[in-house]
Amino acid sequence: MLFSVATARAAVAGYVVAHHAADEGEILNLAVTPLHRRRGLGRALVRHVLGRLARRMVKIVFLEARQSNTAARRLYESLGFVGVGRRPGYYRRPLEDAVILRVTLAQVAYL
C-alpha cells in the first residue's frame, strides 16, 4: 500500500492512496480539501504516486471515478489516463456509474 499526504499549516490538505500487485497498480482514493482545490495539489499527488509506482516496476495503473465528476476525469485525462470501461451502479448515495480509467506509465511523463 502506498500513500502520500500533503499538508498546509500543519493540517491535511490532501492525500492519495494506491496499491499494486506485480506490474499493475490502482489508485484507490484521491482527496483534496475544498480550500486547496484548483491549485495543482491533486495533480502533484497523482504524479507523485505514479512515480512511486513506476519505481516499483508497475506498468499500468487503473482507477475509478464517478461519471459525473468531470473535474476529476479531466485531471486524470490530462495525466494520460484513458477511459477503458464502466461499472454500472458502482457508487451509492447517489447511485451512479463509475468510469474506469487506465494509464500506461511508459507512455507518460509523470515526474
N, C-alpha and C. Protein backbone atom coordinates (compact mmCIF):
# COMPACT_ATOMS: atom_id res chain seq x y z
N MET A 1 0.86 -1.18 0.00
CA MET A 1 0.00 0.00 0.00
C MET A 1 0.90 1.23 0.00
N LEU A 2 0.56 2.17 -0.84
CA LEU A 2 1.29 3.44 -0.91
C LEU A 2 0.33 4.56 -0.55
N PHE A 3 0.82 5.53 0.18
CA PHE A 3 0.01 6.72 0.44
C PHE A 3 0.93 7.91 0.60
N SER A 4 0.40 9.06 0.21
CA SER A 4 1.11 10.32 0.38
C SER A 4 0.11 11.34 0.90
N VAL A 5 0.59 12.18 1.79
CA VAL A 5 -0.25 13.22 2.40
C VAL A 5 0.40 14.57 2.13
N ALA A 6 -0.41 15.54 1.74
CA ALA A 6 0.04 16.92 1.57
C ALA A 6 -0.52 17.73 2.72
N THR A 7 0.31 18.55 3.31
CA THR A 7 -0.16 19.37 4.43
C THR A 7 0.02 20.85 4.11
N ALA A 8 -0.77 21.65 4.80
CA ALA A 8 -0.66 23.11 4.73
C ALA A 8 -0.92 23.64 6.12
N ARG A 9 0.05 24.34 6.66
CA ARG A 9 -0.08 24.89 8.02
C ARG A 9 -0.45 23.81 9.04
N ALA A 10 0.24 22.70 8.96
CA ALA A 10 0.09 21.57 9.89
C ALA A 10 -1.26 20.87 9.81
N ALA A 11 -2.03 21.11 8.74
CA ALA A 11 -3.31 20.43 8.55
C ALA A 11 -3.25 19.64 7.22
N VAL A 12 -3.97 18.56 7.17
CA VAL A 12 -4.02 17.78 5.94
C VAL A 12 -4.75 18.58 4.87
N ALA A 13 -4.10 18.73 3.71
CA ALA A 13 -4.71 19.44 2.57
C ALA A 13 -5.17 18.46 1.50
N GLY A 14 -4.56 17.27 1.48
CA GLY A 14 -4.94 16.26 0.50
C GLY A 14 -4.16 14.98 0.73
N TYR A 15 -4.62 13.91 0.08
CA TYR A 15 -3.91 12.64 0.18
C TYR A 15 -4.25 11.78 -1.03
N VAL A 16 -3.40 10.80 -1.27
CA VAL A 16 -3.63 9.79 -2.31
C VAL A 16 -3.24 8.44 -1.73
N VAL A 17 -4.03 7.41 -2.09
CA VAL A 17 -3.78 6.04 -1.65
C VAL A 17 -3.77 5.15 -2.89
N ALA A 18 -2.77 4.29 -2.99
CA ALA A 18 -2.68 3.37 -4.12
C ALA A 18 -2.12 2.04 -3.64
N HIS A 19 -2.26 1.03 -4.47
CA HIS A 19 -1.61 -0.25 -4.19
C HIS A 19 -1.22 -0.87 -5.52
N HIS A 20 -0.43 -1.95 -5.45
CA HIS A 20 -0.01 -2.62 -6.67
C HIS A 20 0.22 -4.09 -6.39
N ALA A 21 0.13 -4.87 -7.45
CA ALA A 21 0.46 -6.29 -7.44
C ALA A 21 1.10 -6.58 -8.78
N ALA A 22 2.26 -7.18 -8.75
CA ALA A 22 3.03 -7.46 -9.95
C ALA A 22 3.24 -6.14 -10.71
N ASP A 23 2.83 -6.07 -11.98
CA ASP A 23 3.08 -4.86 -12.76
C ASP A 23 1.84 -4.00 -12.96
N GLU A 24 0.80 -4.22 -12.15
CA GLU A 24 -0.42 -3.40 -12.22
C GLU A 24 -0.65 -2.67 -10.91
N GLY A 25 -1.08 -1.41 -11.03
CA GLY A 25 -1.38 -0.62 -9.85
C GLY A 25 -2.79 -0.06 -9.92
N GLU A 26 -3.25 0.45 -8.79
CA GLU A 26 -4.57 1.07 -8.74
C GLU A 26 -4.53 2.23 -7.76
N ILE A 27 -5.04 3.36 -8.19
CA ILE A 27 -5.24 4.49 -7.28
C ILE A 27 -6.60 4.27 -6.64
N LEU A 28 -6.59 4.10 -5.33
CA LEU A 28 -7.81 3.78 -4.59
C LEU A 28 -8.58 5.03 -4.18
N ASN A 29 -7.84 6.08 -3.86
CA ASN A 29 -8.51 7.29 -3.38
C ASN A 29 -7.59 8.49 -3.55
N LEU A 30 -8.19 9.59 -3.96
CA LEU A 30 -7.51 10.88 -4.02
C LEU A 30 -8.49 11.89 -3.45
N ALA A 31 -8.02 12.69 -2.52
CA ALA A 31 -8.89 13.72 -1.94
C ALA A 31 -8.07 14.97 -1.67
N VAL A 32 -8.69 16.10 -1.96
CA VAL A 32 -8.11 17.41 -1.67
C VAL A 32 -9.20 18.23 -1.00
N THR A 33 -8.86 18.89 0.09
CA THR A 33 -9.85 19.69 0.80
C THR A 33 -10.35 20.82 -0.10
N PRO A 34 -11.59 21.24 0.06
CA PRO A 34 -12.14 22.31 -0.79
C PRO A 34 -11.26 23.56 -0.83
N LEU A 35 -10.68 23.93 0.29
CA LEU A 35 -9.84 25.13 0.37
C LEU A 35 -8.61 25.04 -0.54
N HIS A 36 -8.14 23.82 -0.78
CA HIS A 36 -6.89 23.64 -1.54
C HIS A 36 -7.10 23.13 -2.96
N ARG A 37 -8.32 23.05 -3.41
CA ARG A 37 -8.59 22.59 -4.77
C ARG A 37 -8.24 23.66 -5.79
N ARG A 38 -8.01 23.21 -7.04
CA ARG A 38 -7.72 24.09 -8.18
C ARG A 38 -6.40 24.83 -8.01
N ARG A 39 -5.47 24.21 -7.27
CA ARG A 39 -4.15 24.81 -7.06
C ARG A 39 -3.03 23.86 -7.47
N GLY A 40 -3.38 22.74 -8.10
CA GLY A 40 -2.37 21.80 -8.56
C GLY A 40 -2.00 20.71 -7.57
N LEU A 41 -2.63 20.72 -6.40
CA LEU A 41 -2.28 19.74 -5.38
C LEU A 41 -2.68 18.32 -5.79
N GLY A 42 -3.89 18.15 -6.33
CA GLY A 42 -4.31 16.83 -6.78
C GLY A 42 -3.39 16.29 -7.86
N ARG A 43 -3.04 17.13 -8.82
CA ARG A 43 -2.12 16.75 -9.89
C ARG A 43 -0.77 16.32 -9.31
N ALA A 44 -0.26 17.09 -8.36
CA ALA A 44 1.03 16.77 -7.75
C ALA A 44 0.96 15.43 -7.01
N LEU A 45 -0.13 15.19 -6.30
CA LEU A 45 -0.27 13.92 -5.58
C LEU A 45 -0.33 12.74 -6.54
N VAL A 46 -1.10 12.87 -7.62
CA VAL A 46 -1.20 11.77 -8.58
C VAL A 46 0.16 11.54 -9.25
N ARG A 47 0.82 12.61 -9.68
CA ARG A 47 2.14 12.45 -10.31
C ARG A 47 3.12 11.78 -9.35
N HIS A 48 3.07 12.18 -8.09
CA HIS A 48 3.96 11.59 -7.09
C HIS A 48 3.72 10.09 -6.96
N VAL A 49 2.47 9.69 -6.84
CA VAL A 49 2.19 8.26 -6.65
C VAL A 49 2.48 7.47 -7.93
N LEU A 50 2.27 8.07 -9.11
CA LEU A 50 2.63 7.38 -10.35
C LEU A 50 4.14 7.16 -10.42
N GLY A 51 4.90 8.14 -9.99
CA GLY A 51 6.36 7.97 -9.94
C GLY A 51 6.78 6.86 -9.00
N ARG A 52 6.16 6.81 -7.84
CA ARG A 52 6.47 5.75 -6.87
C ARG A 52 6.10 4.38 -7.42
N LEU A 53 4.95 4.29 -8.10
CA LEU A 53 4.54 3.02 -8.70
C LEU A 53 5.50 2.62 -9.82
N ALA A 54 5.92 3.57 -10.64
CA ALA A 54 6.86 3.27 -11.72
C ALA A 54 8.18 2.73 -11.17
N ARG A 55 8.64 3.29 -10.07
CA ARG A 55 9.89 2.80 -9.46
C ARG A 55 9.75 1.38 -8.92
N ARG A 56 8.52 0.94 -8.72
CA ARG A 56 8.25 -0.43 -8.29
C ARG A 56 7.93 -1.34 -9.48
N MET A 57 8.26 -0.86 -10.67
CA MET A 57 8.11 -1.62 -11.91
C MET A 57 6.66 -1.83 -12.34
N VAL A 58 5.76 -0.99 -11.86
CA VAL A 58 4.37 -1.04 -12.29
C VAL A 58 4.31 -0.45 -13.70
N LYS A 59 3.57 -1.10 -14.57
CA LYS A 59 3.45 -0.65 -15.96
C LYS A 59 2.11 0.01 -16.27
N ILE A 60 1.04 -0.47 -15.64
CA ILE A 60 -0.31 0.02 -15.91
C ILE A 60 -0.98 0.37 -14.58
N VAL A 61 -1.68 1.51 -14.55
CA VAL A 61 -2.39 1.93 -13.34
C VAL A 61 -3.85 2.19 -13.71
N PHE A 62 -4.74 1.70 -12.86
CA PHE A 62 -6.18 1.87 -13.04
C PHE A 62 -6.75 2.73 -11.92
N LEU A 63 -7.92 3.28 -12.15
CA LEU A 63 -8.71 3.93 -11.10
C LEU A 63 -10.14 4.03 -11.58
N GLU A 64 -11.05 4.31 -10.65
CA GLU A 64 -12.45 4.58 -10.98
C GLU A 64 -12.77 6.00 -10.56
N ALA A 65 -13.64 6.64 -11.34
CA ALA A 65 -14.13 7.98 -11.00
C ALA A 65 -15.63 8.03 -11.26
N ARG A 66 -16.33 8.80 -10.45
CA ARG A 66 -17.76 8.98 -10.71
C ARG A 66 -17.97 9.54 -12.11
N GLN A 67 -18.96 9.03 -12.78
CA GLN A 67 -19.28 9.52 -14.13
C GLN A 67 -19.49 11.02 -14.13
N SER A 68 -20.12 11.55 -13.09
CA SER A 68 -20.43 12.99 -13.03
C SER A 68 -19.26 13.86 -12.58
N ASN A 69 -18.17 13.25 -12.13
CA ASN A 69 -17.05 14.03 -11.60
C ASN A 69 -16.13 14.46 -12.75
N THR A 70 -16.60 15.43 -13.51
CA THR A 70 -15.85 15.87 -14.68
C THR A 70 -14.52 16.51 -14.32
N ALA A 71 -14.44 17.20 -13.20
CA ALA A 71 -13.17 17.82 -12.80
C ALA A 71 -12.11 16.74 -12.57
N ALA A 72 -12.46 15.69 -11.87
CA ALA A 72 -11.50 14.60 -11.61
C ALA A 72 -11.14 13.91 -12.92
N ARG A 73 -12.12 13.64 -13.74
CA ARG A 73 -11.84 12.96 -15.01
C ARG A 73 -10.94 13.80 -15.91
N ARG A 74 -11.15 15.10 -15.94
CA ARG A 74 -10.27 15.98 -16.73
C ARG A 74 -8.84 15.95 -16.19
N LEU A 75 -8.71 15.96 -14.87
CA LEU A 75 -7.38 15.88 -14.26
C LEU A 75 -6.69 14.59 -14.69
N TYR A 76 -7.36 13.46 -14.51
CA TYR A 76 -6.75 12.18 -14.86
C TYR A 76 -6.43 12.10 -16.35
N GLU A 77 -7.33 12.56 -17.19
CA GLU A 77 -7.09 12.51 -18.63
C GLU A 77 -5.90 13.40 -19.02
N SER A 78 -5.73 14.52 -18.33
CA SER A 78 -4.59 15.39 -18.62
C SER A 78 -3.27 14.73 -18.23
N LEU A 79 -3.34 13.72 -17.39
CA LEU A 79 -2.15 12.98 -16.97
C LEU A 79 -1.97 11.69 -17.77
N GLY A 80 -2.77 11.51 -18.83
CA GLY A 80 -2.60 10.37 -19.71
C GLY A 80 -3.56 9.23 -19.51
N PHE A 81 -4.44 9.31 -18.53
CA PHE A 81 -5.43 8.24 -18.31
C PHE A 81 -6.45 8.28 -19.43
N VAL A 82 -6.92 7.10 -19.83
CA VAL A 82 -7.97 6.98 -20.84
C VAL A 82 -9.07 6.07 -20.29
N GLY A 83 -10.30 6.35 -20.70
CA GLY A 83 -11.43 5.51 -20.29
C GLY A 83 -11.35 4.15 -20.96
N VAL A 84 -11.54 3.10 -20.16
CA VAL A 84 -11.49 1.74 -20.71
C VAL A 84 -12.72 0.92 -20.34
N GLY A 85 -13.63 1.49 -19.57
CA GLY A 85 -14.82 0.73 -19.19
C GLY A 85 -15.69 1.50 -18.23
N ARG A 86 -16.70 0.80 -17.76
CA ARG A 86 -17.69 1.40 -16.87
C ARG A 86 -18.16 0.33 -15.88
N ARG A 87 -18.43 0.73 -14.65
CA ARG A 87 -19.01 -0.16 -13.64
C ARG A 87 -20.38 0.40 -13.30
N PRO A 88 -21.44 -0.20 -13.84
CA PRO A 88 -22.80 0.30 -13.58
C PRO A 88 -23.15 0.24 -12.08
N GLY A 89 -23.71 1.33 -11.57
CA GLY A 89 -24.17 1.37 -10.19
C GLY A 89 -23.09 1.18 -9.15
N TYR A 90 -21.87 1.51 -9.47
CA TYR A 90 -20.72 1.29 -8.57
C TYR A 90 -20.79 2.15 -7.31
N TYR A 91 -21.19 3.39 -7.48
CA TYR A 91 -21.26 4.31 -6.34
C TYR A 91 -22.67 4.36 -5.77
N ARG A 92 -22.75 4.60 -4.49
CA ARG A 92 -24.02 4.74 -3.78
C ARG A 92 -24.13 6.17 -3.26
N ARG A 93 -25.34 6.59 -3.01
CA ARG A 93 -25.62 7.90 -2.40
C ARG A 93 -24.96 9.06 -3.10
N PRO A 94 -25.30 9.40 -4.27
CA PRO A 94 -26.35 8.80 -5.10
C PRO A 94 -25.80 7.64 -5.93
N LEU A 95 -26.70 6.80 -6.35
CA LEU A 95 -26.35 5.68 -7.22
C LEU A 95 -25.82 6.24 -8.53
N GLU A 96 -24.63 5.76 -8.92
CA GLU A 96 -24.01 6.30 -10.13
C GLU A 96 -22.99 5.31 -10.67
N ASP A 97 -22.79 5.36 -11.97
CA ASP A 97 -21.78 4.51 -12.61
C ASP A 97 -20.39 5.06 -12.32
N ALA A 98 -19.42 4.15 -12.36
CA ALA A 98 -18.01 4.53 -12.30
C ALA A 98 -17.42 4.39 -13.69
N VAL A 99 -16.57 5.32 -14.06
CA VAL A 99 -15.79 5.22 -15.29
C VAL A 99 -14.43 4.67 -14.89
N ILE A 100 -14.01 3.61 -15.57
CA ILE A 100 -12.71 3.00 -15.30
C ILE A 100 -11.70 3.67 -16.22
N LEU A 101 -10.61 4.16 -15.63
CA LEU A 101 -9.55 4.83 -16.38
C LEU A 101 -8.24 4.06 -16.20
N ARG A 102 -7.40 4.13 -17.23
CA ARG A 102 -6.12 3.40 -17.20
C ARG A 102 -5.04 4.28 -17.82
N VAL A 103 -3.83 4.16 -17.28
CA VAL A 103 -2.67 4.81 -17.87
C VAL A 103 -1.54 3.80 -17.95
N THR A 104 -0.79 3.87 -19.06
CA THR A 104 0.40 3.06 -19.22
C THR A 104 1.57 3.96 -18.86
N LEU A 105 2.30 3.60 -17.82
CA LEU A 105 3.32 4.51 -17.29
C LEU A 105 4.46 4.78 -18.27
N ALA A 106 4.82 3.84 -19.11
CA ALA A 106 5.91 4.06 -20.07
C ALA A 106 5.58 5.16 -21.07
N GLN A 107 4.30 5.49 -21.23
CA GLN A 107 3.88 6.48 -22.21
C GLN A 107 3.64 7.85 -21.60
N VAL A 108 3.93 8.02 -20.32
CA VAL A 108 3.58 9.24 -19.61
C VAL A 108 4.80 9.87 -18.97
N ALA A 109 4.92 11.18 -19.08
CA ALA A 109 5.93 11.91 -18.33
C ALA A 109 5.28 12.39 -17.05
N TYR A 110 5.44 11.67 -15.97
CA TYR A 110 4.73 11.94 -14.72
C TYR A 110 5.63 12.52 -13.65
N LEU A 111 6.92 12.52 -13.86
CA LEU A 111 7.81 13.01 -12.81
C LEU A 111 8.13 14.48 -12.97
